[in-house]
Amino acid sequence: MHIEDFRNYCLAKKGVTESFPFDEHTLVFKVMGKMFALSGLERLPAQANLKCDPDRSVELRAQYDGLILPGYHMSKLHWNTVLIDSGLPPSLITELIDHSYDLVVAKFSKKLRLAWESL
């Protein structure tokens, strides 16, 4: 998957914004102000950090050794670094984006959930 496809898929989700809160090279995607994906635009191959259930993280890292890694500069328990243009099936990458997004949405406060649902 190309980085632009990754970006477009993230931005198509409800309540998502993009920004550069850390520096001009790290693109961050947030749903209702909560981070669910980020990508270092100058890192090659193209990669993204995505939130992941801890048990699933271990399975994915074993199954896709070298393509899905512990989260770079993130909690290794809750984040994976996914090499998005290194041969992983695009359907897997979109599923991992969805999983990350859903994990963040599931933790919304009642007030935030109501605001998200009203979009």
PDB file of N, CA and C in Angstrom:
ATOM      1  N   MET A   1       0.857  -1.184   0.000  1.00  0.00           N
ATOM      2  CA  MET A   1       0.000   0.000   0.000  1.00  0.00           C
ATOM      3  C   MET A   1       0.898   1.240   0.000  1.00  0.00           C
ATOM      4  N   HIS A   2       0.581   2.179  -0.816  1.00  0.00           N
ATOM      5  CA  HIS A   2       1.311   3.439  -0.895  1.00  0.00           C
ATOM      6  C   HIS A   2       0.876   4.345   0.261  1.00  0.00           C
ATOM      7  N   ILE A   3       1.751   5.216   0.713  1.00  0.00           N
ATOM      8  CA  ILE A   3       1.463   6.097   1.848  1.00  0.00           C
ATOM      9  C   ILE A   3       0.243   6.979   1.583  1.00  0.00           C
ATOM     10  N   GLU A   4       0.029   7.392   0.338  1.00  0.00           N
ATOM     11  CA  GLU A   4      -1.154   8.212   0.024  1.00  0.00           C
ATOM     12  C   GLU A   4      -2.442   7.410   0.175  1.00  0.00           C
ATOM     13  N   ASP A   5      -2.403   6.134  -0.180  1.00  0.00           N
ATOM     14  CA  ASP A   5      -3.571   5.273   0.016  1.00  0.00           C
ATOM     15  C   ASP A   5      -3.850   5.097   1.508  1.00  0.00           C
ATOM     16  N   PHE A   6      -2.782   4.927   2.276  1.00  0.00           N
ATOM     17  CA  PHE A   6      -2.908   4.819   3.732  1.00  0.00           C
ATOM     18  C   PHE A   6      -3.555   6.092   4.285  1.00  0.00           C
ATOM     19  N   ARG A   7      -3.039   7.227   3.879  1.00  0.00           N
ATOM     20  CA  ARG A   7      -3.562   8.523   4.341  1.00  0.00           C
ATOM     21  C   ARG A   7      -5.030   8.680   3.972  1.00  0.00           C
ATOM     22  N   ASN A   8      -5.361   8.420   2.729  1.00  0.00           N
ATOM     23  CA  ASN A   8      -6.748   8.570   2.272  1.00  0.00           C
ATOM     24  C   ASN A   8      -7.698   7.648   3.029  1.00  0.00           C
ATOM     25  N   TYR A   9      -7.256   6.423   3.307  1.00  0.00           N
ATOM     26  CA  TYR A   9      -8.104   5.484   4.036  1.00  0.00           C
ATOM     27  C   TYR A   9      -8.362   5.993   5.459  1.00  0.00           C
ATOM     28  N   CYS A  10      -7.315   6.469   6.110  1.00  0.00           N
ATOM     29  CA  CYS A  10      -7.470   7.004   7.472  1.00  0.00           C
ATOM     30  C   CYS A  10      -8.417   8.207   7.483  1.00  0.00           C
ATOM     31  N   LEU A  11      -8.220   9.125   6.545  1.00  0.00           N
ATOM     32  CA  LEU A  11      -9.029  10.341   6.516  1.00  0.00           C
ATOM     33  C   LEU A  11     -10.491  10.098   6.165  1.00  0.00           C
ATOM     34  N   ALA A  12     -10.788   8.979   5.524  1.00  0.00           N
ATOM     35  CA  ALA A  12     -12.175   8.665   5.156  1.00  0.00           C
ATOM     36  C   ALA A  12     -12.999   8.191   6.353  1.00  0.00           C
ATOM     37  N   LYS A  13     -12.350   7.896   7.463  1.00  0.00           N
ATOM     38  CA  LYS A  13     -13.064   7.405   8.636  1.00  0.00           C
ATOM     39  C   LYS A  13     -13.716   8.568   9.384  1.00  0.00           C
ATOM     40  N   LYS A  14     -14.806   8.282  10.045  1.00  0.00           N
ATOM     41  CA  LYS A  14     -15.603   9.306  10.734  1.00  0.00           C
ATOM     42  C   LYS A  14     -14.814   9.979  11.861  1.00  0.00           C
ATOM     43  N   GLY A  15     -14.826  11.312  11.858  1.00  0.00           N
ATOM     44  CA  GLY A  15     -14.232  12.087  12.938  1.00  0.00           C
ATOM     45  C   GLY A  15     -12.721  12.206  12.920  1.00  0.00           C
ATOM     46  N   VAL A  16     -12.087  11.861  11.792  1.00  0.00           N
ATOM     47  CA  VAL A  16     -10.626  11.827  11.726  1.00  0.00           C
ATOM     48  C   VAL A  16     -10.061  13.153  11.221  1.00  0.00           C
ATOM     49  N   THR A  17      -8.981  13.572  11.877  1.00  0.00           N
ATOM     50  CA  THR A  17      -8.196  14.721  11.445  1.00  0.00           C
ATOM     51  C   THR A  17      -6.739  14.289  11.340  1.00  0.00           C
ATOM     52  N   GLU A  18      -5.972  15.064  10.594  1.00  0.00           N
ATOM     53  CA  GLU A  18      -4.536  14.821  10.496  1.00  0.00           C
ATOM     54  C   GLU A  18      -3.796  16.077  10.922  1.00  0.00           C
ATOM     55  N   SER A  19      -2.613  15.879  11.497  1.00  0.00           N
ATOM     56  CA  SER A  19      -1.810  17.024  11.931  1.00  0.00           C
ATOM     57  C   SER A  19      -0.353  16.592  12.087  1.00  0.00           C
ATOM     58  N   PHE A  20       0.478  17.570  12.360  1.00  0.00           N
ATOM     59  CA  PHE A  20       1.904  17.355  12.608  1.00  0.00           C
ATOM     60  C   PHE A  20       2.244  17.908  13.993  1.00  0.00           C
ATOM     61  N   PRO A  21       1.764  17.270  15.070  1.00  0.00           N
ATOM     62  CA  PRO A  21       1.969  17.831  16.405  1.00  0.00           C
ATOM     63  C   PRO A  21       3.391  17.690  16.939  1.00  0.00           C
ATOM     64  N   PHE A  22       4.173  16.755  16.409  1.00  0.00           N
ATOM     65  CA  PHE A  22       5.508  16.503  16.949  1.00  0.00           C
ATOM     66  C   PHE A  22       6.599  17.210  16.156  1.00  0.00           C
ATOM     67  N   ASP A  23       6.515  17.119  14.845  1.00  0.00           N
ATOM     68  CA  ASP A  23       7.475  17.762  13.950  1.00  0.00           C
ATOM     69  C   ASP A  23       6.889  17.739  12.543  1.00  0.00           C
ATOM     70  N   GLU A  24       7.606  18.285  11.581  1.00  0.00           N
ATOM     71  CA  GLU A  24       7.074  18.381  10.220  1.00  0.00           C
ATOM     72  C   GLU A  24       7.173  17.072   9.437  1.00  0.00           C
ATOM     73  N   HIS A  25       7.707  16.019  10.056  1.00  0.00           N
ATOM     74  CA  HIS A  25       7.886  14.741   9.363  1.00  0.00           C
ATOM     75  C   HIS A  25       6.991  13.618   9.895  1.00  0.00           C
ATOM     76  N   THR A  26       6.289  13.867  10.995  1.00  0.00           N
ATOM     77  CA  THR A  26       5.476  12.816  11.609  1.00  0.00           C
ATOM     78  C   THR A  26       3.999  13.176  11.495  1.00  0.00           C
ATOM     79  N   LEU A  27       3.330  12.500  10.578  1.00  0.00           N
ATOM     80  CA  LEU A  27       1.911  12.737  10.321  1.00  0.00           C
ATOM     81  C   LEU A  27       1.087  11.901  11.298  1.00  0.00           C
ATOM     82  N   VAL A  28       0.192  12.565  12.037  1.00  0.00           N
ATOM     83  CA  VAL A  28      -0.612  11.905  13.063  1.00  0.00           C
ATOM     84  C   VAL A  28      -2.085  11.981  12.680  1.00  0.00           C
ATOM     85  N   PHE A  29      -2.758  10.859  12.818  1.00  0.00           N
ATOM     86  CA  PHE A  29      -4.197  10.773  12.573  1.00  0.00           C
ATOM     87  C   PHE A  29      -4.895  10.568  13.899  1.00  0.00           C
ATOM     88  N   LYS A  30      -5.917  11.396  14.137  1.00  0.00           N
ATOM     89  CA  LYS A  30      -6.671  11.324  15.384  1.00  0.00           C
ATOM     90  C   LYS A  30      -8.157  11.214  15.069  1.00  0.00           C
ATOM     91  N   VAL A  31      -8.855  10.460  15.910  1.00  0.00           N
ATOM     92  CA  VAL A  31     -10.306  10.421  15.848  1.00  0.00           C
ATOM     93  C   VAL A  31     -10.801  11.138  17.099  1.00  0.00           C
ATOM     94  N   MET A  32     -11.513  12.234  16.888  1.00  0.00           N
ATOM     95  CA  MET A  32     -12.034  13.051  17.986  1.00  0.00           C
ATOM     96  C   MET A  32     -10.916  13.445  18.958  1.00  0.00           C
ATOM     97  N   GLY A  33      -9.749  13.756  18.403  1.00  0.00           N
ATOM     98  CA  GLY A  33      -8.620  14.207  19.203  1.00  0.00           C
ATOM     99  C   GLY A  33      -7.788  13.114  19.838  1.00  0.00           C
ATOM    100  N   LYS A  34      -8.104  11.852  19.554  1.00  0.00           N
ATOM    101  CA  LYS A  34      -7.370  10.717  20.128  1.00  0.00           C
ATOM    102  C   LYS A  34      -6.588  10.013  19.018  1.00  0.00           C
ATOM    103  N   MET A  35      -5.286   9.847  19.234  1.00  0.00           N
ATOM    104  CA  MET A  35      -4.402   9.297  18.219  1.00  0.00           C
ATOM    105  C   MET A  35      -4.663   7.799  17.984  1.00  0.00           C
ATOM    106  N   PHE A  36      -4.782   7.420  16.696  1.00  0.00           N
ATOM    107  CA  PHE A  36      -4.911   6.004  16.351  1.00  0.00           C
ATOM    108  C   PHE A  36      -3.892   5.557  15.305  1.00  0.00           C
ATOM    109  N   ALA A  37      -3.223   6.499  14.648  1.00  0.00           N
ATOM    110  CA  ALA A  37      -2.215   6.140  13.644  1.00  0.00           C
ATOM    111  C   ALA A  37      -1.239   7.291  13.483  1.00  0.00           C
ATOM    112  N   LEU A  38       0.002   6.952  13.187  1.00  0.00           N
ATOM    113  CA  LEU A  38       0.978   7.976  12.840  1.00  0.00           C
ATOM    114  C   LEU A  38       2.010   7.377  11.906  1.00  0.00           C
ATOM    115  N   SER A  39       2.598   8.248  11.101  1.00  0.00           N
ATOM    116  CA  SER A  39       3.563   7.796  10.120  1.00  0.00           C
ATOM    117  C   SER A  39       4.693   8.802   9.986  1.00  0.00           C
ATOM    118  N   GLY A  40       5.906   8.293  10.040  1.00  0.00           N
ATOM    119  CA  GLY A  40       7.076   9.116   9.782  1.00  0.00           C
ATOM    120  C   GLY A  40       7.261   9.225   8.287  1.00  0.00           C
ATOM    121  N   LEU A  41       7.018  10.388   7.734  1.00  0.00           N
ATOM    122  CA  LEU A  41       7.004  10.547   6.279  1.00  0.00           C
ATOM    123  C   LEU A  41       8.372  10.406   5.630  1.00  0.00           C
ATOM    124  N   GLU A  42       9.432  10.568   6.389  1.00  0.00           N
ATOM    125  CA  GLU A  42      10.770  10.451   5.811  1.00  0.00           C
ATOM    126  C   GLU A  42      11.388   9.077   6.029  1.00  0.00           C
ATOM    127  N   ARG A  43      10.684   8.185   6.691  1.00  0.00           N
ATOM    128  CA  ARG A  43      11.208   6.843   6.954  1.00  0.00           C
ATOM    129  C   ARG A  43      10.926   5.939   5.755  1.00  0.00           C
ATOM    130  N   LEU A  44      11.945   5.221   5.336  1.00  0.00           N
ATOM    131  CA  LEU A  44      11.806   4.267   4.233  1.00  0.00           C
ATOM    132  C   LEU A  44      12.238   2.891   4.714  1.00  0.00           C
ATOM    133  N   PRO A  45      11.487   1.865   4.393  1.00  0.00           N
ATOM    134  CA  PRO A  45      10.243   1.903   3.637  1.00  0.00           C
ATOM    135  C   PRO A  45       9.141   2.597   4.435  1.00  0.00           C
ATOM    136  N   ALA A  46       8.086   3.010   3.723  1.00  0.00           N
ATOM    137  CA  ALA A  46       6.960   3.683   4.375  1.00  0.00           C
ATOM    138  C   ALA A  46       6.399   2.784   5.458  1.00  0.00           C
ATOM    139  N   GLN A  47       6.126   3.389   6.602  1.00  0.00           N
ATOM    140  CA  GLN A  47       5.623   2.636   7.737  1.00  0.00           C
ATOM    141  C   GLN A  47       4.687   3.487   8.561  1.00  0.00           C
ATOM    142  N   ALA A  48       3.897   2.804   9.371  1.00  0.00           N
ATOM    143  CA  ALA A  48       2.951   3.503  10.229  1.00  0.00           C
ATOM    144  C   ALA A  48       2.856   2.769  11.556  1.00  0.00           C
ATOM    145  N   ASN A  49       2.619   3.534  12.607  1.00  0.00           N
ATOM    146  CA  ASN A  49       2.346   2.951  13.911  1.00  0.00           C
ATOM    147  C   ASN A  49       0.839   2.895  14.086  1.00  0.00           C
ATOM    148  N   LEU A  50       0.363   1.712  14.484  1.00  0.00           N
ATOM    149  CA  LEU A  50      -1.058   1.488  14.687  1.00  0.00           C
ATOM    150  C   LEU A  50      -1.277   0.814  16.027  1.00  0.00           C
ATOM    151  N   LYS A  51      -2.296   1.266  16.729  1.00  0.00           N
ATOM    152  CA  LYS A  51      -2.658   0.670  18.006  1.00  0.00           C
ATOM    153  C   LYS A  51      -3.151  -0.757  17.744  1.00  0.00           C
ATOM    154  N   CYS A  52      -2.893  -1.668  18.708  1.00  0.00           N
ATOM    155  CA  CYS A  52      -3.281  -3.055  18.513  1.00  0.00           C
ATOM    156  C   CYS A  52      -3.501  -3.724  19.860  1.00  0.00           C
ATOM    157  N   ASP A  53      -4.461  -4.635  19.906  1.00  0.00           N
ATOM    158  CA  ASP A  53      -4.675  -5.445  21.091  1.00  0.00           C
ATOM    159  C   ASP A  53      -3.372  -6.185  21.403  1.00  0.00           C
ATOM    160  N   PRO A  54      -2.924  -6.186  22.667  1.00  0.00           N
ATOM    161  CA  PRO A  54      -1.628  -6.790  23.003  1.00  0.00           C
ATOM    162  C   PRO A  54      -1.472  -8.249  22.579  1.00  0.00           C
ATOM    163  N   ASP A  55      -2.497  -9.070  22.756  1.00  0.00           N
ATOM    164  CA  ASP A  55      -2.389 -10.475  22.352  1.00  0.00           C
ATOM    165  C   ASP A  55      -2.268 -10.605  20.841  1.00  0.00           C
ATOM    166  N   ARG A  56      -3.012  -9.809  20.147  1.00  0.00           N
ATOM    167  CA  ARG A  56      -2.962  -9.840  18.683  1.00  0.00           C
ATOM    168  C   ARG A  56      -1.618  -9.329  18.174  1.00  0.00           C
ATOM    169  N   SER A  57      -1.045  -8.342  18.862  1.00  0.00           N
ATOM    170  CA  SER A  57       0.264  -7.808  18.460  1.00  0.00           C
ATOM    171  C   SER A  57       1.305  -8.909  18.374  1.00  0.00           C
ATOM    172  N   VAL A  58       1.332  -9.751  19.389  1.00  0.00           N
ATOM    173  CA  VAL A  58       2.309 -10.843  19.427  1.00  0.00           C
ATOM    174  C   VAL A  58       2.111 -11.778  18.243  1.00  0.00           C
ATOM    175  N   GLU A  59       0.870 -12.141  17.961  1.00  0.00           N
ATOM    176  CA  GLU A  59       0.570 -13.031  16.836  1.00  0.00           C
ATOM    177  C   GLU A  59       0.988 -12.411  15.505  1.00  0.00           C
ATOM    178  N   LEU A  60       0.641 -11.136  15.313  1.00  0.00           N
ATOM    179  CA  LEU A  60       0.972 -10.463  14.054  1.00  0.00           C
ATOM    180  C   LEU A  60       2.476 -10.361  13.853  1.00  0.00           C
ATOM    181  N   ARG A  61       3.204 -10.041  14.916  1.00  0.00           N
ATOM    182  CA  ARG A  61       4.663  -9.905  14.804  1.00  0.00           C
ATOM    183  C   ARG A  61       5.306 -11.238  14.445  1.00  0.00           C
ATOM    184  N   ALA A  62       4.751 -12.339  14.963  1.00  0.00           N
ATOM    185  CA  ALA A  62       5.284 -13.663  14.638  1.00  0.00           C
ATOM    186  C   ALA A  62       4.928 -14.055  13.204  1.00  0.00           C
ATOM    187  N   GLN A  63       3.695 -13.803  12.815  1.00  0.00           N
ATOM    188  CA  GLN A  63       3.233 -14.202  11.480  1.00  0.00           C
ATOM    189  C   GLN A  63       3.882 -13.379  10.374  1.00  0.00           C
ATOM    190  N   TYR A  64       4.103 -12.089  10.638  1.00  0.00           N
ATOM    191  CA  TYR A  64       4.661 -11.191   9.621  1.00  0.00           C
ATOM    192  C   TYR A  64       6.004 -10.641  10.097  1.00  0.00           C
ATOM    193  N   ASP A  65       6.883 -11.555  10.474  1.00  0.00           N
ATOM    194  CA  ASP A  65       8.195 -11.211  11.013  1.00  0.00           C
ATOM    195  C   ASP A  65       8.952 -10.279  10.067  1.00  0.00           C
ATOM    196  N   GLY A  66       9.383  -9.155  10.599  1.00  0.00           N
ATOM    197  CA  GLY A  66      10.121  -8.177   9.809  1.00  0.00           C
ATOM    198  C   GLY A  66       9.247  -7.168   9.100  1.00  0.00           C
ATOM    199  N   LEU A  67       7.938  -7.429   9.020  1.00  0.00           N
ATOM    200  CA  LEU A  67       7.013  -6.500   8.368  1.00  0.00           C
ATOM    201  C   LEU A  67       6.080  -5.819   9.365  1.00  0.00           C
ATOM    202  N   ILE A  68       5.834  -6.492  10.484  1.00  0.00           N
ATOM    203  CA  ILE A  68       5.084  -5.905  11.602  1.00  0.00           C
ATOM    204  C   ILE A  68       5.972  -6.051  12.829  1.00  0.00           C
ATOM    205  N   LEU A  69       6.322  -4.910  13.407  1.00  0.00           N
ATOM    206  CA  LEU A  69       7.319  -4.844  14.474  1.00  0.00           C
ATOM    207  C   LEU A  69       6.733  -4.161  15.711  1.00  0.00           C
ATOM    208  N   PRO A  70       7.402  -4.291  16.853  1.00  0.00           N
ATOM    209  CA  PRO A  70       6.966  -3.511  18.019  1.00  0.00           C
ATOM    210  C   PRO A  70       6.966  -2.020  17.679  1.00  0.00           C
ATOM    211  N   GLY A  71       6.027  -1.287  18.215  1.00  0.00           N
ATOM    212  CA  GLY A  71       5.861   0.129  17.892  1.00  0.00           C
ATOM    213  C   GLY A  71       7.108   0.965  18.112  1.00  0.00           C
ATOM    214  N   TYR A  72       7.556   1.624  17.054  1.00  0.00           N
ATOM    215  CA  TYR A  72       8.736   2.491  17.103  1.00  0.00           C
ATOM    216  C   TYR A  72       8.405   3.744  17.904  1.00  0.00           C
ATOM    217  N   HIS A  73       9.158   3.983  18.973  1.00  0.00           N
ATOM    218  CA  HIS A  73       8.951   5.126  19.864  1.00  0.00           C
ATOM    219  C   HIS A  73       7.569   5.141  20.515  1.00  0.00           C
ATOM    220  N   MET A  74       6.971   3.971  20.671  1.00  0.00           N
ATOM    221  CA  MET A  74       5.636   3.869  21.262  1.00  0.00           C
ATOM    222  C   MET A  74       5.665   2.729  22.284  1.00  0.00           C
ATOM    223  N   SER A  75       4.561   2.572  23.008  1.00  0.00           N
ATOM    224  CA  SER A  75       4.420   1.426  23.896  1.00  0.00           C
ATOM    225  C   SER A  75       4.479   0.155  23.061  1.00  0.00           C
ATOM    226  N   LYS A  76       5.444  -0.702  23.332  1.00  0.00           N
ATOM    227  CA  LYS A  76       5.602  -1.940  22.561  1.00  0.00           C
ATOM    228  C   LYS A  76       4.448  -2.908  22.832  1.00  0.00           C
ATOM    229  N   LEU A  77       3.731  -2.695  23.934  1.00  0.00           N
ATOM    230  CA  LEU A  77       2.612  -3.551  24.280  1.00  0.00           C
ATOM    231  C   LEU A  77       1.374  -3.241  23.442  1.00  0.00           C
ATOM    232  N   HIS A  78       1.130  -1.951  23.191  1.00  0.00           N
ATOM    233  CA  HIS A  78      -0.125  -1.527  22.560  1.00  0.00           C
ATOM    234  C   HIS A  78       0.007  -0.993  21.139  1.00  0.00           C
ATOM    235  N   TRP A  79       1.218  -0.903  20.614  1.00  0.00           N
ATOM    236  CA  TRP A  79       1.410  -0.337  19.276  1.00  0.00           C
ATOM    237  C   TRP A  79       2.327  -1.222  18.444  1.00  0.00           C
ATOM    238  N   ASN A  80       2.011  -1.310  17.165  1.00  0.00           N
ATOM    239  CA  ASN A  80       2.863  -1.984  16.183  1.00  0.00           C
ATOM    240  C   ASN A  80       3.326  -0.982  15.145  1.00  0.00           C
ATOM    241  N   THR A  81       4.514  -1.206  14.628  1.00  0.00           N
ATOM    242  CA  THR A  81       4.973  -0.502  13.439  1.00  0.00           C
ATOM    243  C   THR A  81       4.759  -1.446  12.265  1.00  0.00           C
ATOM    244  N   VAL A  82       4.007  -0.972  11.289  1.00  0.00           N
ATOM    245  CA  VAL A  82       3.635  -1.775  10.124  1.00  0.00           C
ATOM    246  C   VAL A  82       4.329  -1.186   8.900  1.00  0.00           C
ATOM    247  N   LEU A  83       5.117  -2.009   8.224  1.00  0.00           N
ATOM    248  CA  LEU A  83       5.775  -1.563   6.990  1.00  0.00           C
ATOM    249  C   LEU A  83       4.737  -1.646   5.878  1.00  0.00           C
ATOM    250  N   ILE A  84       4.185  -0.495   5.534  1.00  0.00           N
ATOM    251  CA  ILE A  84       2.986  -0.494   4.690  1.00  0.00           C
ATOM    252  C   ILE A  84       3.256  -0.682   3.207  1.00  0.00           C
ATOM    253  N   ASP A  85       4.479  -0.487   2.760  1.00  0.00           N
ATOM    254  CA  ASP A  85       4.737  -0.702   1.320  1.00  0.00           C
ATOM    255  C   ASP A  85       5.787  -1.790   1.103  1.00  0.00           C
ATOM    256  N   SER A  86       5.738  -2.806   1.953  1.00  0.00           N
ATOM    257  CA  SER A  86       6.739  -3.878   1.863  1.00  0.00           C
ATOM    258  C   SER A  86       6.135  -5.252   1.620  1.00  0.00           C
ATOM    259  N   GLY A  87       5.028  -5.303   0.921  1.00  0.00           N
ATOM    260  CA  GLY A  87       4.473  -6.583   0.542  1.00  0.00           C
ATOM    261  C   GLY A  87       3.333  -7.103   1.392  1.00  0.00           C
ATOM    262  N   LEU A  88       2.964  -6.403   2.454  1.00  0.00           N
ATOM    263  CA  LEU A  88       1.795  -6.828   3.214  1.00  0.00           C
ATOM    264  C   LEU A  88       0.550  -6.630   2.362  1.00  0.00           C
ATOM    265  N   PRO A  89      -0.415  -7.530   2.446  1.00  0.00           N
ATOM    266  CA  PRO A  89      -1.639  -7.349   1.672  1.00  0.00           C
ATOM    267  C   PRO A  89      -2.358  -6.055   2.079  1.00  0.00           C
ATOM    268  N   PRO A  90      -2.788  -5.257   1.114  1.00  0.00           N
ATOM    269  CA  PRO A  90      -3.519  -4.023   1.449  1.00  0.00           C
ATOM    270  C   PRO A  90      -4.737  -4.282   2.328  1.00  0.00           C
ATOM    271  N   SER A  91      -5.383  -5.424   2.132  1.00  0.00           N
ATOM    272  CA  SER A  91      -6.557  -5.743   2.958  1.00  0.00           C
ATOM    273  C   SER A  91      -6.169  -5.922   4.424  1.00  0.00           C
ATOM    274  N   LEU A  92      -4.979  -6.454   4.687  1.00  0.00           N
ATOM    275  CA  LEU A  92      -4.507  -6.588   6.067  1.00  0.00           C
ATOM    276  C   LEU A  92      -4.235  -5.204   6.657  1.00  0.00           C
ATOM    277  N   ILE A  93      -3.624  -4.337   5.876  1.00  0.00           N
ATOM    278  CA  ILE A  93      -3.309  -2.994   6.380  1.00  0.00           C
ATOM    279  C   ILE A  93      -4.590  -2.230   6.694  1.00  0.00           C
ATOM    280  N   THR A  94      -5.576  -2.293   5.819  1.00  0.00           N
ATOM    281  CA  THR A  94      -6.834  -1.590   6.102  1.00  0.00           C
ATOM    282  C   THR A  94      -7.527  -2.203   7.318  1.00  0.00           C
ATOM    283  N   GLU A  95      -7.432  -3.513   7.477  1.00  0.00           N
ATOM    284  CA  GLU A  95      -8.019  -4.162   8.650  1.00  0.00           C
ATOM    285  C   GLU A  95      -7.309  -3.715   9.923  1.00  0.00           C
ATOM    286  N   LEU A  96      -5.995  -3.532   9.876  1.00  0.00           N
ATOM    287  CA  LEU A  96      -5.242  -3.070  11.046  1.00  0.00           C
ATOM    288  C   LEU A  96      -5.546  -1.602  11.361  1.00  0.00           C
ATOM    289  N   ILE A  97      -5.767  -0.797  10.337  1.00  0.00           N
ATOM    290  CA  ILE A  97      -6.198   0.591  10.560  1.00  0.00           C
ATOM    291  C   ILE A  97      -7.553   0.588  11.250  1.00  0.00           C
ATOM    292  N   ASP A  98      -8.480  -0.219  10.744  1.00  0.00           N
ATOM    293  CA  ASP A  98      -9.810  -0.321  11.352  1.00  0.00           C
ATOM    294  C   ASP A  98      -9.714  -0.766  12.809  1.00  0.00           C
ATOM    295  N   HIS A  99      -8.871  -1.757  13.064  1.00  0.00           N
ATOM    296  CA  HIS A  99      -8.693  -2.274  14.426  1.00  0.00           C
ATOM    297  C   HIS A  99      -8.185  -1.178  15.359  1.00  0.00           C
ATOM    298  N   SER A 100      -7.192  -0.425  14.918  1.00  0.00           N
ATOM    299  CA  SER A 100      -6.640   0.662  15.718  1.00  0.00           C
ATOM    300  C   SER A 100      -7.712   1.716  16.006  1.00  0.00           C
ATOM    301  N   TYR A 101      -8.398   2.119  14.975  1.00  0.00           N
ATOM    302  CA  TYR A 101      -9.481   3.110  15.089  1.00  0.00           C
ATOM    303  C   TYR A 101     -10.543   2.612  16.071  1.00  0.00           C
ATOM    304  N   ASP A 102     -10.967   1.354  15.922  1.00  0.00           N
ATOM    305  CA  ASP A 102     -12.008   0.800  16.786  1.00  0.00           C
ATOM    306  C   ASP A 102     -11.566   0.724  18.245  1.00  0.00           C
ATOM    307  N   LEU A 103     -10.294   0.400  18.493  1.00  0.00           N
ATOM    308  CA  LEU A 103      -9.791   0.368  19.869  1.00  0.00           C
ATOM    309  C   LEU A 103      -9.882   1.744  20.523  1.00  0.00           C
ATOM    310  N   VAL A 104      -9.549   2.772  19.768  1.00  0.00           N
ATOM    311  CA  VAL A 104      -9.601   4.136  20.304  1.00  0.00           C
ATOM    312  C   VAL A 104     -11.048   4.560  20.534  1.00  0.00           C
ATOM    313  N   VAL A 105     -11.910   4.308  19.581  1.00  0.00           N
ATOM    314  CA  VAL A 105     -13.328   4.672  19.716  1.00  0.00           C
ATOM    315  C   VAL A 105     -13.954   3.957  20.913  1.00  0.00           C
ATOM    316  N   ALA A 106     -13.580   2.722  21.147  1.00  0.00           N
ATOM    317  CA  ALA A 106     -14.142   1.936  22.255  1.00  0.00           C
ATOM    318  C   ALA A 106     -13.824   2.548  23.621  1.00  0.00           C
ATOM    319  N   LYS A 107     -12.776   3.344  23.692  1.00  0.00           N
ATOM    320  CA  LYS A 107     -12.367   3.965  24.963  1.00  0.00           C
ATOM    321  C   LYS A 107     -12.911   5.385  25.144  1.00  0.00           C
ATOM    322  N   PHE A 108     -13.736   5.855  24.216  1.00  0.00           N
ATOM    323  CA  PHE A 108     -14.302   7.202  24.328  1.00  0.00           C
ATOM    324  C   PHE A 108     -15.131   7.331  25.608  1.00  0.00           C
ATOM    325  N   SER A 109     -15.091   8.521  26.164  1.00  0.00           N
ATOM    326  CA  SER A 109     -16.008   8.844  27.250  1.00  0.00           C
ATOM    327  C   SER A 109     -17.418   8.933  26.671  1.00  0.00           C
ATOM    328  N   LYS A 110     -18.401   8.915  27.529  1.00  0.00           N
ATOM    329  CA  LYS A 110     -19.788   9.002  27.056  1.00  0.00           C
ATOM    330  C   LYS A 110     -20.006  10.293  26.258  1.00  0.00           C
ATOM    331  N   LYS A 111     -19.472  11.393  26.756  1.00  0.00           N
ATOM    332  CA  LYS A 111     -19.628  12.688  26.090  1.00  0.00           C
ATOM    333  C   LYS A 111     -18.976  12.671  24.702  1.00  0.00           C
ATOM    334  N   LEU A 112     -17.776  12.139  24.633  1.00  0.00           N
ATOM    335  CA  LEU A 112     -17.061  12.089  23.356  1.00  0.00           C
ATOM    336  C   LEU A 112     -17.757  11.141  22.380  1.00  0.00           C
ATOM    337  N   ARG A 113     -18.259  10.016  22.889  1.00  0.00           N
ATOM    338  CA  ARG A 113     -18.971   9.068  22.034  1.00  0.00           C
ATOM    339  C   ARG A 113     -20.219   9.724  21.420  1.00  0.00           C
ATOM    340  N   LEU A 114     -20.947  10.476  22.229  1.00  0.00           N
ATOM    341  CA  LEU A 114     -22.148  11.153  21.720  1.00  0.00           C
ATOM    342  C   LEU A 114     -21.791  12.151  20.627  1.00  0.00           C
ATOM    343  N   ALA A 115     -20.703  12.881  20.835  1.00  0.00           N
ATOM    344  CA  ALA A 115     -20.256  13.838  19.816  1.00  0.00           C
ATOM    345  C   ALA A 115     -19.854  13.107  18.541  1.00  0.00           C
ATOM    346  N   TRP A 116     -19.142  11.997  18.677  1.00  0.00           N
ATOM    347  CA  TRP A 116     -18.701  11.199  17.522  1.00  0.00           C
ATOM    348  C   TRP A 116     -19.915  10.624  16.786  1.00  0.00           C
ATOM    349  N   GLU A 117     -20.873  10.096  17.547  1.00  0.00           N
ATOM    350  CA  GLU A 117     -22.070   9.497  16.931  1.00  0.00           C
ATOM    351  C   GLU A 117     -22.899  10.532  16.181  1.00  0.00           C
ATOM    352  N   SER A 118     -22.821  11.790  16.598  1.00  0.00           N
ATOM    353  CA  SER A 118     -23.632  12.829  15.951  1.00  0.00           C
ATOM    354  C   SER A 118     -23.009  13.340  14.646  1.00  0.00           C
ATOM    355  N   LEU A 119     -21.817  12.900  14.318  1.00  0.00           N
ATOM    356  CA  LEU A 119     -21.162  13.349  13.073  1.00  0.00           C
ATOM    357  C   LEU A 119     -21.845  12.758  11.859  1.00  0.00           C
TER     358      LEU A 119
END
